[in-house]
Amino acid sequence: MQSLDRTKSKIKKLSASSVIKDDDSLVSFLTEVPEPLKEAMTTFIETHPNWDQYRLIQAALSGFLVQNGIESRSINRLYFQNMFSKNAFQKTL
């Protein structure tokens, strides 16, 4: 139950973040994630309060595309906003 409440809270924060703007289009998708990857994501998100599953996936996908030769301003912008925003790697004590 606490996990569900935390997820709902993260979604509200995401919709208010500067990464997502009104004129951006969003696409939702479902995919299976191997258990070790899910556990690593959960651990990272729990220790980095400024991150959530959506920001992590956006950073990972955009970073992969940038590193593999995709030349797109919007992809670059997403990558840099997710990776280098203020306090991106602040940990909880």
PDB file of N, CA and C in Angstrom:
ATOM      1  N   MET A   1       0.822  -1.192   0.000  1.00  0.00           N
ATOM      2  CA  MET A   1       0.000   0.000   0.000  1.00  0.00           C
ATOM      3  C   MET A   1       0.865   1.255   0.000  1.00  0.00           C
ATOM      4  N   GLN A   2       1.932   1.252   0.801  1.00  0.00           N
ATOM      5  CA  GLN A   2       2.835   2.393   0.854  1.00  0.00           C
ATOM      6  C   GLN A   2       3.505   2.613  -0.499  1.00  0.00           C
ATOM      7  N   SER A   3       3.830   1.539  -1.188  1.00  0.00           N
ATOM      8  CA  SER A   3       4.437   1.634  -2.512  1.00  0.00           C
ATOM      9  C   SER A   3       3.482   2.292  -3.505  1.00  0.00           C
ATOM     10  N   LEU A   4       2.212   1.947  -3.439  1.00  0.00           N
ATOM     11  CA  LEU A   4       1.212   2.536  -4.331  1.00  0.00           C
ATOM     12  C   LEU A   4       1.068   4.030  -4.049  1.00  0.00           C
ATOM     13  N   ASP A   5       1.030   4.414  -2.781  1.00  0.00           N
ATOM     14  CA  ASP A   5       0.929   5.828  -2.419  1.00  0.00           C
ATOM     15  C   ASP A   5       2.157   6.593  -2.897  1.00  0.00           C
ATOM     16  N   ARG A   6       3.313   5.974  -2.770  1.00  0.00           N
ATOM     17  CA  ARG A   6       4.556   6.608  -3.214  1.00  0.00           C
ATOM     18  C   ARG A   6       4.546   6.794  -4.731  1.00  0.00           C
ATOM     19  N   THR A   7       4.061   5.801  -5.455  1.00  0.00           N
ATOM     20  CA  THR A   7       3.981   5.881  -6.911  1.00  0.00           C
ATOM     21  C   THR A   7       3.038   7.000  -7.333  1.00  0.00           C
ATOM     22  N   LYS A   8       1.877   7.102  -6.692  1.00  0.00           N
ATOM     23  CA  LYS A   8       0.932   8.168  -7.006  1.00  0.00           C
ATOM     24  C   LYS A   8       1.558   9.534  -6.748  1.00  0.00           C
ATOM     25  N   SER A   9       2.297   9.654  -5.656  1.00  0.00           N
ATOM     26  CA  SER A   9       2.971  10.905  -5.334  1.00  0.00           C
ATOM     27  C   SER A   9       4.014  11.251  -6.389  1.00  0.00           C
ATOM     28  N   LYS A  10       4.751  10.254  -6.840  1.00  0.00           N
ATOM     29  CA  LYS A  10       5.771  10.474  -7.871  1.00  0.00           C
ATOM     30  C   LYS A  10       5.138  10.920  -9.183  1.00  0.00           C
ATOM     31  N   ILE A  11       3.980  10.357  -9.522  1.00  0.00           N
ATOM     32  CA  ILE A  11       3.297  10.733 -10.761  1.00  0.00           C
ATOM     33  C   ILE A  11       2.868  12.203 -10.693  1.00  0.00           C
ATOM     34  N   LYS A  12       2.354  12.630  -9.533  1.00  0.00           N
ATOM     35  CA  LYS A  12       1.971  14.029  -9.374  1.00  0.00           C
ATOM     36  C   LYS A  12       3.180  14.944  -9.532  1.00  0.00           C
ATOM     37  N   LYS A  13       4.313  14.557  -8.941  1.00  0.00           N
ATOM     38  CA  LYS A  13       5.530  15.358  -9.067  1.00  0.00           C
ATOM     39  C   LYS A  13       5.992  15.400 -10.507  1.00  0.00           C
ATOM     40  N   LEU A  14       5.913  14.286 -11.208  1.00  0.00           N
ATOM     41  CA  LEU A  14       6.346  14.227 -12.596  1.00  0.00           C
ATOM     42  C   LEU A  14       5.528  15.173 -13.462  1.00  0.00           C
ATOM     43  N   SER A  15       4.224  15.190 -13.263  1.00  0.00           N
ATOM     44  CA  SER A  15       3.377  16.042 -14.091  1.00  0.00           C
ATOM     45  C   SER A  15       3.659  17.517 -13.842  1.00  0.00           C
ATOM     46  N   ALA A  16       4.208  17.850 -12.683  1.00  0.00           N
ATOM     47  CA  ALA A  16       4.527  19.235 -12.368  1.00  0.00           C
ATOM     48  C   ALA A  16       5.981  19.588 -12.684  1.00  0.00           C
ATOM     49  N   SER A  17       6.762  18.622 -13.113  1.00  0.00           N
ATOM     50  CA  SER A  17       8.187  18.870 -13.342  1.00  0.00           C
ATOM     51  C   SER A  17       8.419  19.647 -14.619  1.00  0.00           C
ATOM     52  N   SER A  18       9.612  20.233 -14.729  1.00  0.00           N
ATOM     53  CA  SER A  18       9.945  21.022 -15.913  1.00  0.00           C
ATOM     54  C   SER A  18      10.309  20.140 -17.100  1.00  0.00           C
ATOM     55  N   VAL A  19      10.506  18.855 -16.891  1.00  0.00           N
ATOM     56  CA  VAL A  19      10.858  17.963 -17.992  1.00  0.00           C
ATOM     57  C   VAL A  19       9.670  17.767 -18.923  1.00  0.00           C
ATOM     58  N   ILE A  20       8.480  17.659 -18.379  1.00  0.00           N
ATOM     59  CA  ILE A  20       7.279  17.450 -19.172  1.00  0.00           C
ATOM     60  C   ILE A  20       6.559  18.792 -19.316  1.00  0.00           C
ATOM     61  N   LYS A  21       6.320  19.198 -20.543  1.00  0.00           N
ATOM     62  CA  LYS A  21       5.624  20.444 -20.813  1.00  0.00           C
ATOM     63  C   LYS A  21       4.285  20.122 -21.462  1.00  0.00           C
ATOM     64  N   ASP A  22       3.366  21.087 -21.419  1.00  0.00           N
ATOM     65  CA  ASP A  22       2.030  20.878 -21.980  1.00  0.00           C
ATOM     66  C   ASP A  22       2.058  20.505 -23.451  1.00  0.00           C
ATOM     67  N   ASP A  23       3.019  21.053 -24.210  1.00  0.00           N
ATOM     68  CA  ASP A  23       3.038  20.806 -25.641  1.00  0.00           C
ATOM     69  C   ASP A  23       3.772  19.515 -26.020  1.00  0.00           C
ATOM     70  N   ASP A  24       4.335  18.835 -25.045  1.00  0.00           N
ATOM     71  CA  ASP A  24       4.999  17.555 -25.319  1.00  0.00           C
ATOM     72  C   ASP A  24       3.955  16.451 -25.442  1.00  0.00           C
ATOM     73  N   SER A  25       4.219  15.503 -26.319  1.00  0.00           N
ATOM     74  CA  SER A  25       3.322  14.353 -26.396  1.00  0.00           C
ATOM     75  C   SER A  25       3.928  13.215 -25.590  1.00  0.00           C
ATOM     76  N   LEU A  26       3.086  12.462 -24.937  1.00  0.00           N
ATOM     77  CA  LEU A  26       3.519  11.346 -24.120  1.00  0.00           C
ATOM     78  C   LEU A  26       2.966  10.053 -24.702  1.00  0.00           C
ATOM     79  N   VAL A  27       3.771   9.018 -24.650  1.00  0.00           N
ATOM     80  CA  VAL A  27       3.352   7.702 -25.095  1.00  0.00           C
ATOM     81  C   VAL A  27       3.580   6.746 -23.933  1.00  0.00           C
ATOM     82  N   SER A  28       2.566   6.003 -23.565  1.00  0.00           N
ATOM     83  CA  SER A  28       2.698   5.018 -22.504  1.00  0.00           C
ATOM     84  C   SER A  28       2.904   3.648 -23.115  1.00  0.00           C
ATOM     85  N   PHE A  29       3.697   2.826 -22.451  1.00  0.00           N
ATOM     86  CA  PHE A  29       3.868   1.458 -22.898  1.00  0.00           C
ATOM     87  C   PHE A  29       4.123   0.553 -21.704  1.00  0.00           C
ATOM     88  N   LEU A  30       3.782  -0.691 -21.878  1.00  0.00           N
ATOM     89  CA  LEU A  30       4.018  -1.698 -20.847  1.00  0.00           C
ATOM     90  C   LEU A  30       5.102  -2.640 -21.347  1.00  0.00           C
ATOM     91  N   THR A  31       5.978  -3.012 -20.453  1.00  0.00           N
ATOM     92  CA  THR A  31       7.003  -3.969 -20.828  1.00  0.00           C
ATOM     93  C   THR A  31       7.405  -4.770 -19.594  1.00  0.00           C
ATOM     94  N   GLU A  32       7.854  -5.968 -19.821  1.00  0.00           N
ATOM     95  CA  GLU A  32       8.355  -6.780 -18.724  1.00  0.00           C
ATOM     96  C   GLU A  32       9.809  -6.395 -18.469  1.00  0.00           C
ATOM     97  N   VAL A  33      10.146  -6.297 -17.197  1.00  0.00           N
ATOM     98  CA  VAL A  33      11.503  -5.941 -16.795  1.00  0.00           C
ATOM     99  C   VAL A  33      12.061  -7.097 -15.981  1.00  0.00           C
ATOM    100  N   PRO A  34      13.264  -7.571 -16.325  1.00  0.00           N
ATOM    101  CA  PRO A  34      13.859  -8.654 -15.533  1.00  0.00           C
ATOM    102  C   PRO A  34      13.995  -8.240 -14.061  1.00  0.00           C
ATOM    103  N   GLU A  35      13.817  -9.187 -13.179  1.00  0.00           N
ATOM    104  CA  GLU A  35      13.834  -8.924 -11.734  1.00  0.00           C
ATOM    105  C   GLU A  35      15.102  -8.196 -11.264  1.00  0.00           C
ATOM    106  N   PRO A  36      16.307  -8.592 -11.701  1.00  0.00           N
ATOM    107  CA  PRO A  36      17.500  -7.858 -11.238  1.00  0.00           C
ATOM    108  C   PRO A  36      17.480  -6.380 -11.639  1.00  0.00           C
ATOM    109  N   LEU A  37      16.965  -6.074 -12.820  1.00  0.00           N
ATOM    110  CA  LEU A  37      16.869  -4.688 -13.267  1.00  0.00           C
ATOM    111  C   LEU A  37      15.846  -3.930 -12.435  1.00  0.00           C
ATOM    112  N   LYS A  38      14.708  -4.549 -12.158  1.00  0.00           N
ATOM    113  CA  LYS A  38      13.678  -3.924 -11.323  1.00  0.00           C
ATOM    114  C   LYS A  38      14.203  -3.642  -9.924  1.00  0.00           C
ATOM    115  N   GLU A  39      14.927  -4.600  -9.355  1.00  0.00           N
ATOM    116  CA  GLU A  39      15.484  -4.410  -8.010  1.00  0.00           C
ATOM    117  C   GLU A  39      16.503  -3.279  -7.987  1.00  0.00           C
ATOM    118  N   ALA A  40      17.345  -3.204  -9.013  1.00  0.00           N
ATOM    119  CA  ALA A  40      18.337  -2.135  -9.080  1.00  0.00           C
ATOM    120  C   ALA A  40      17.654  -0.775  -9.227  1.00  0.00           C
ATOM    121  N   MET A  41      16.609  -0.709 -10.046  1.00  0.00           N
ATOM    122  CA  MET A  41      15.858   0.537 -10.210  1.00  0.00           C
ATOM    123  C   MET A  41      15.221   0.962  -8.885  1.00  0.00           C
ATOM    124  N   THR A  42      14.610   0.011  -8.191  1.00  0.00           N
ATOM    125  CA  THR A  42      13.958   0.308  -6.920  1.00  0.00           C
ATOM    126  C   THR A  42      14.971   0.821  -5.903  1.00  0.00           C
ATOM    127  N   THR A  43      16.113   0.178  -5.816  1.00  0.00           N
ATOM    128  CA  THR A  43      17.163   0.604  -4.885  1.00  0.00           C
ATOM    129  C   THR A  43      17.631   2.013  -5.213  1.00  0.00           C
ATOM    130  N   PHE A  44      17.860   2.278  -6.490  1.00  0.00           N
ATOM    131  CA  PHE A  44      18.314   3.611  -6.904  1.00  0.00           C
ATOM    132  C   PHE A  44      17.276   4.669  -6.547  1.00  0.00           C
ATOM    133  N   ILE A  45      16.021   4.421  -6.861  1.00  0.00           N
ATOM    134  CA  ILE A  45      14.955   5.388  -6.605  1.00  0.00           C
ATOM    135  C   ILE A  45      14.778   5.628  -5.110  1.00  0.00           C
ATOM    136  N   GLU A  46      14.906   4.590  -4.319  1.00  0.00           N
ATOM    137  CA  GLU A  46      14.763   4.742  -2.864  1.00  0.00           C
ATOM    138  C   GLU A  46      15.891   5.580  -2.264  1.00  0.00           C
ATOM    139  N   THR A  47      17.073   5.544  -2.857  1.00  0.00           N
ATOM    140  CA  THR A  47      18.209   6.292  -2.312  1.00  0.00           C
ATOM    141  C   THR A  47      18.408   7.650  -2.979  1.00  0.00           C
ATOM    142  N   HIS A  48      17.642   7.945  -4.013  1.00  0.00           N
ATOM    143  CA  HIS A  48      17.729   9.228  -4.714  1.00  0.00           C
ATOM    144  C   HIS A  48      16.317   9.822  -4.813  1.00  0.00           C
ATOM    145  N   PRO A  49      15.933  10.643  -3.842  1.00  0.00           N
ATOM    146  CA  PRO A  49      14.551  11.125  -3.769  1.00  0.00           C
ATOM    147  C   PRO A  49      14.118  12.012  -4.939  1.00  0.00           C
ATOM    148  N   ASN A  50      15.050  12.555  -5.681  1.00  0.00           N
ATOM    149  CA  ASN A  50      14.679  13.400  -6.825  1.00  0.00           C
ATOM    150  C   ASN A  50      14.401  12.599  -8.090  1.00  0.00           C
ATOM    151  N   TRP A  51      14.514  11.297  -8.002  1.00  0.00           N
ATOM    152  CA  TRP A  51      14.290  10.428  -9.157  1.00  0.00           C
ATOM    153  C   TRP A  51      13.040   9.592  -8.932  1.00  0.00           C
ATOM    154  N   ASP A  52      12.367   9.238 -10.017  1.00  0.00           N
ATOM    155  CA  ASP A  52      11.280   8.284  -9.979  1.00  0.00           C
ATOM    156  C   ASP A  52      11.439   7.368 -11.189  1.00  0.00           C
ATOM    157  N   GLN A  53      10.562   6.375 -11.305  1.00  0.00           N
ATOM    158  CA  GLN A  53      10.721   5.391 -12.373  1.00  0.00           C
ATOM    159  C   GLN A  53      10.603   6.025 -13.760  1.00  0.00           C
ATOM    160  N   TYR A  54       9.814   7.063 -13.887  1.00  0.00           N
ATOM    161  CA  TYR A  54       9.619   7.702 -15.178  1.00  0.00           C
ATOM    162  C   TYR A  54      10.853   8.494 -15.597  1.00  0.00           C
ATOM    163  N   ARG A  55      11.400   9.238 -14.655  1.00  0.00           N
ATOM    164  CA  ARG A  55      12.610  10.009 -14.947  1.00  0.00           C
ATOM    165  C   ARG A  55      13.770   9.074 -15.257  1.00  0.00           C
ATOM    166  N   LEU A  56      13.878   7.986 -14.509  1.00  0.00           N
ATOM    167  CA  LEU A  56      14.958   7.026 -14.732  1.00  0.00           C
ATOM    168  C   LEU A  56      14.861   6.397 -16.122  1.00  0.00           C
ATOM    169  N   ILE A  57      13.667   5.989 -16.517  1.00  0.00           N
ATOM    170  CA  ILE A  57      13.481   5.394 -17.847  1.00  0.00           C
ATOM    171  C   ILE A  57      13.755   6.424 -18.938  1.00  0.00           C
ATOM    172  N   GLN A  58      13.278   7.656 -18.763  1.00  0.00           N
ATOM    173  CA  GLN A  58      13.542   8.702 -19.753  1.00  0.00           C
ATOM    174  C   GLN A  58      15.034   8.948 -19.906  1.00  0.00           C
ATOM    175  N   ALA A  59      15.744   9.029 -18.784  1.00  0.00           N
ATOM    176  CA  ALA A  59      17.189   9.272 -18.834  1.00  0.00           C
ATOM    177  C   ALA A  59      17.909   8.099 -19.494  1.00  0.00           C
ATOM    178  N   ALA A  60      17.498   6.893 -19.159  1.00  0.00           N
ATOM    179  CA  ALA A  60      18.146   5.709 -19.729  1.00  0.00           C
ATOM    180  C   ALA A  60      17.922   5.620 -21.238  1.00  0.00           C
ATOM    181  N   LEU A  61      16.684   5.793 -21.671  1.00  0.00           N
ATOM    182  CA  LEU A  61      16.383   5.696 -23.106  1.00  0.00           C
ATOM    183  C   LEU A  61      17.036   6.825 -23.898  1.00  0.00           C
ATOM    184  N   SER A  62      16.905   8.041 -23.406  1.00  0.00           N
ATOM    185  CA  SER A  62      17.498   9.158 -24.140  1.00  0.00           C
ATOM    186  C   SER A  62      19.018   9.067 -24.135  1.00  0.00           C
ATOM    187  N   GLY A  63      19.606   8.647 -23.009  1.00  0.00           N
ATOM    188  CA  GLY A  63      21.063   8.463 -22.950  1.00  0.00           C
ATOM    189  C   GLY A  63      21.546   7.405 -23.917  1.00  0.00           C
ATOM    190  N   PHE A  64      20.838   6.300 -23.992  1.00  0.00           N
ATOM    191  CA  PHE A  64      21.191   5.238 -24.930  1.00  0.00           C
ATOM    192  C   PHE A  64      21.155   5.756 -26.365  1.00  0.00           C
ATOM    193  N   LEU A  65      20.084   6.480 -26.711  1.00  0.00           N
ATOM    194  CA  LEU A  65      19.944   6.993 -28.071  1.00  0.00           C
ATOM    195  C   LEU A  65      21.032   8.021 -28.407  1.00  0.00           C
ATOM    196  N   VAL A  66      21.321   8.928 -27.471  1.00  0.00           N
ATOM    197  CA  VAL A  66      22.367   9.930 -27.686  1.00  0.00           C
ATOM    198  C   VAL A  66      23.718   9.250 -27.878  1.00  0.00           C
ATOM    199  N   GLN A  67      24.027   8.277 -27.043  1.00  0.00           N
ATOM    200  CA  GLN A  67      25.317   7.586 -27.113  1.00  0.00           C
ATOM    201  C   GLN A  67      25.450   6.724 -28.359  1.00  0.00           C
ATOM    202  N   ASN A  68      24.329   6.405 -28.991  1.00  0.00           N
ATOM    203  CA  ASN A  68      24.366   5.560 -30.181  1.00  0.00           C
ATOM    204  C   ASN A  68      24.038   6.317 -31.463  1.00  0.00           C
ATOM    205  N   GLY A  69      24.298   7.619 -31.450  1.00  0.00           N
ATOM    206  CA  GLY A  69      24.278   8.384 -32.684  1.00  0.00           C
ATOM    207  C   GLY A  69      23.003   9.073 -33.088  1.00  0.00           C
ATOM    208  N   ILE A  70      21.974   9.034 -32.254  1.00  0.00           N
ATOM    209  CA  ILE A  70      20.746   9.758 -32.600  1.00  0.00           C
ATOM    210  C   ILE A  70      21.002  11.242 -32.387  1.00  0.00           C
ATOM    211  N   GLU A  71      20.829  12.025 -33.421  1.00  0.00           N
ATOM    212  CA  GLU A  71      21.052  13.463 -33.337  1.00  0.00           C
ATOM    213  C   GLU A  71      19.710  14.181 -33.374  1.00  0.00           C
ATOM    214  N   SER A  72      19.189  14.441 -32.191  1.00  0.00           N
ATOM    215  CA  SER A  72      17.888  15.085 -32.056  1.00  0.00           C
ATOM    216  C   SER A  72      17.954  16.065 -30.896  1.00  0.00           C
ATOM    217  N   ARG A  73      17.592  17.297 -31.157  1.00  0.00           N
ATOM    218  CA  ARG A  73      17.598  18.300 -30.091  1.00  0.00           C
ATOM    219  C   ARG A  73      16.675  17.918 -28.944  1.00  0.00           C
ATOM    220  N   SER A  74      15.510  17.418 -29.266  1.00  0.00           N
ATOM    221  CA  SER A  74      14.553  17.080 -28.209  1.00  0.00           C
ATOM    222  C   SER A  74      15.041  15.902 -27.365  1.00  0.00           C
ATOM    223  N   ILE A  75      15.689  14.926 -27.991  1.00  0.00           N
ATOM    224  CA  ILE A  75      16.249  13.798 -27.233  1.00  0.00           C
ATOM    225  C   ILE A  75      17.402  14.276 -26.362  1.00  0.00           C
ATOM    226  N   ASN A  76      18.281  15.110 -26.927  1.00  0.00           N
ATOM    227  CA  ASN A  76      19.381  15.674 -26.138  1.00  0.00           C
ATOM    228  C   ASN A  76      18.851  16.459 -24.949  1.00  0.00           C
ATOM    229  N   ARG A  77      17.814  17.258 -25.185  1.00  0.00           N
ATOM    230  CA  ARG A  77      17.239  18.069 -24.116  1.00  0.00           C
ATOM    231  C   ARG A  77      16.695  17.184 -22.999  1.00  0.00           C
ATOM    232  N   LEU A  78      15.957  16.142 -23.352  1.00  0.00           N
ATOM    233  CA  LEU A  78      15.444  15.216 -22.337  1.00  0.00           C
ATOM    234  C   LEU A  78      16.581  14.592 -21.536  1.00  0.00           C
ATOM    235  N   TYR A  79      17.614  14.159 -22.232  1.00  0.00           N
ATOM    236  CA  TYR A  79      18.745  13.522 -21.562  1.00  0.00           C
ATOM    237  C   TYR A  79      19.396  14.483 -20.563  1.00  0.00           C
ATOM    238  N   PHE A  80      19.703  15.687 -21.021  1.00  0.00           N
ATOM    239  CA  PHE A  80      20.391  16.627 -20.137  1.00  0.00           C
ATOM    240  C   PHE A  80      19.501  17.125 -19.010  1.00  0.00           C
ATOM    241  N   GLN A  81      18.227  17.317 -19.254  1.00  0.00           N
ATOM    242  CA  GLN A  81      17.328  17.731 -18.172  1.00  0.00           C
ATOM    243  C   GLN A  81      17.220  16.656 -17.108  1.00  0.00           C
ATOM    244  N   ASN A  82      17.147  15.412 -17.529  1.00  0.00           N
ATOM    245  CA  ASN A  82      17.033  14.326 -16.554  1.00  0.00           C
ATOM    246  C   ASN A  82      18.336  14.091 -15.803  1.00  0.00           C
ATOM    247  N   MET A  83      19.442  14.155 -16.499  1.00  0.00           N
ATOM    248  CA  MET A  83      20.723  13.812 -15.880  1.00  0.00           C
ATOM    249  C   MET A  83      21.345  14.948 -15.080  1.00  0.00           C
ATOM    250  N   PHE A  84      21.160  16.174 -15.521  1.00  0.00           N
ATOM    251  CA  PHE A  84      21.931  17.256 -14.936  1.00  0.00           C
ATOM    252  C   PHE A  84      21.091  18.347 -14.297  1.00  0.00           C
ATOM    253  N   SER A  85      19.908  17.999 -13.852  1.00  0.00           N
ATOM    254  CA  SER A  85      19.114  18.990 -13.137  1.00  0.00           C
ATOM    255  C   SER A  85      19.700  19.192 -11.733  1.00  0.00           C
ATOM    256  N   LYS A  86      19.328  20.276 -11.124  1.00  0.00           N
ATOM    257  CA  LYS A  86      19.832  20.595  -9.785  1.00  0.00           C
ATOM    258  C   LYS A  86      19.525  19.451  -8.821  1.00  0.00           C
ATOM    259  N   ASN A  87      20.504  19.038  -8.068  1.00  0.00           N
ATOM    260  CA  ASN A  87      20.376  17.977  -7.066  1.00  0.00           C
ATOM    261  C   ASN A  87      19.934  16.627  -7.641  1.00  0.00           C
ATOM    262  N   ALA A  88      20.339  16.326  -8.859  1.00  0.00           N
ATOM    263  CA  ALA A  88      19.915  15.080  -9.509  1.00  0.00           C
ATOM    264  C   ALA A  88      20.334  13.852  -8.717  1.00  0.00           C
ATOM    265  N   PHE A  89      21.444  13.924  -8.019  1.00  0.00           N
ATOM    266  CA  PHE A  89      21.921  12.738  -7.333  1.00  0.00           C
ATOM    267  C   PHE A  89      21.977  12.922  -5.823  1.00  0.00           C
ATOM    268  N   GLN A  90      21.124  13.766  -5.298  1.00  0.00           N
ATOM    269  CA  GLN A  90      21.030  13.956  -3.859  1.00  0.00           C
ATOM    270  C   GLN A  90      20.539  12.653  -3.220  1.00  0.00           C
ATOM    271  N   LYS A  91      21.239  12.212  -2.193  1.00  0.00           N
ATOM    272  CA  LYS A  91      20.840  10.975  -1.515  1.00  0.00           C
ATOM    273  C   LYS A  91      20.153  11.304  -0.206  1.00  0.00           C
ATOM    274  N   THR A  92      19.297  10.381   0.227  1.00  0.00           N
ATOM    275  CA  THR A  92      18.675  10.544   1.539  1.00  0.00           C
ATOM    276  C   THR A  92      19.672  10.071   2.585  1.00  0.00           C
ATOM    277  N   LEU A  93      19.560  10.641   3.750  1.00  0.00           N
ATOM    278  CA  LEU A  93      20.470  10.247   4.837  1.00  0.00           C
ATOM    279  C   LEU A  93      19.862   9.208   5.718  1.00  0.00           C
TER     280      LEU A  93
END
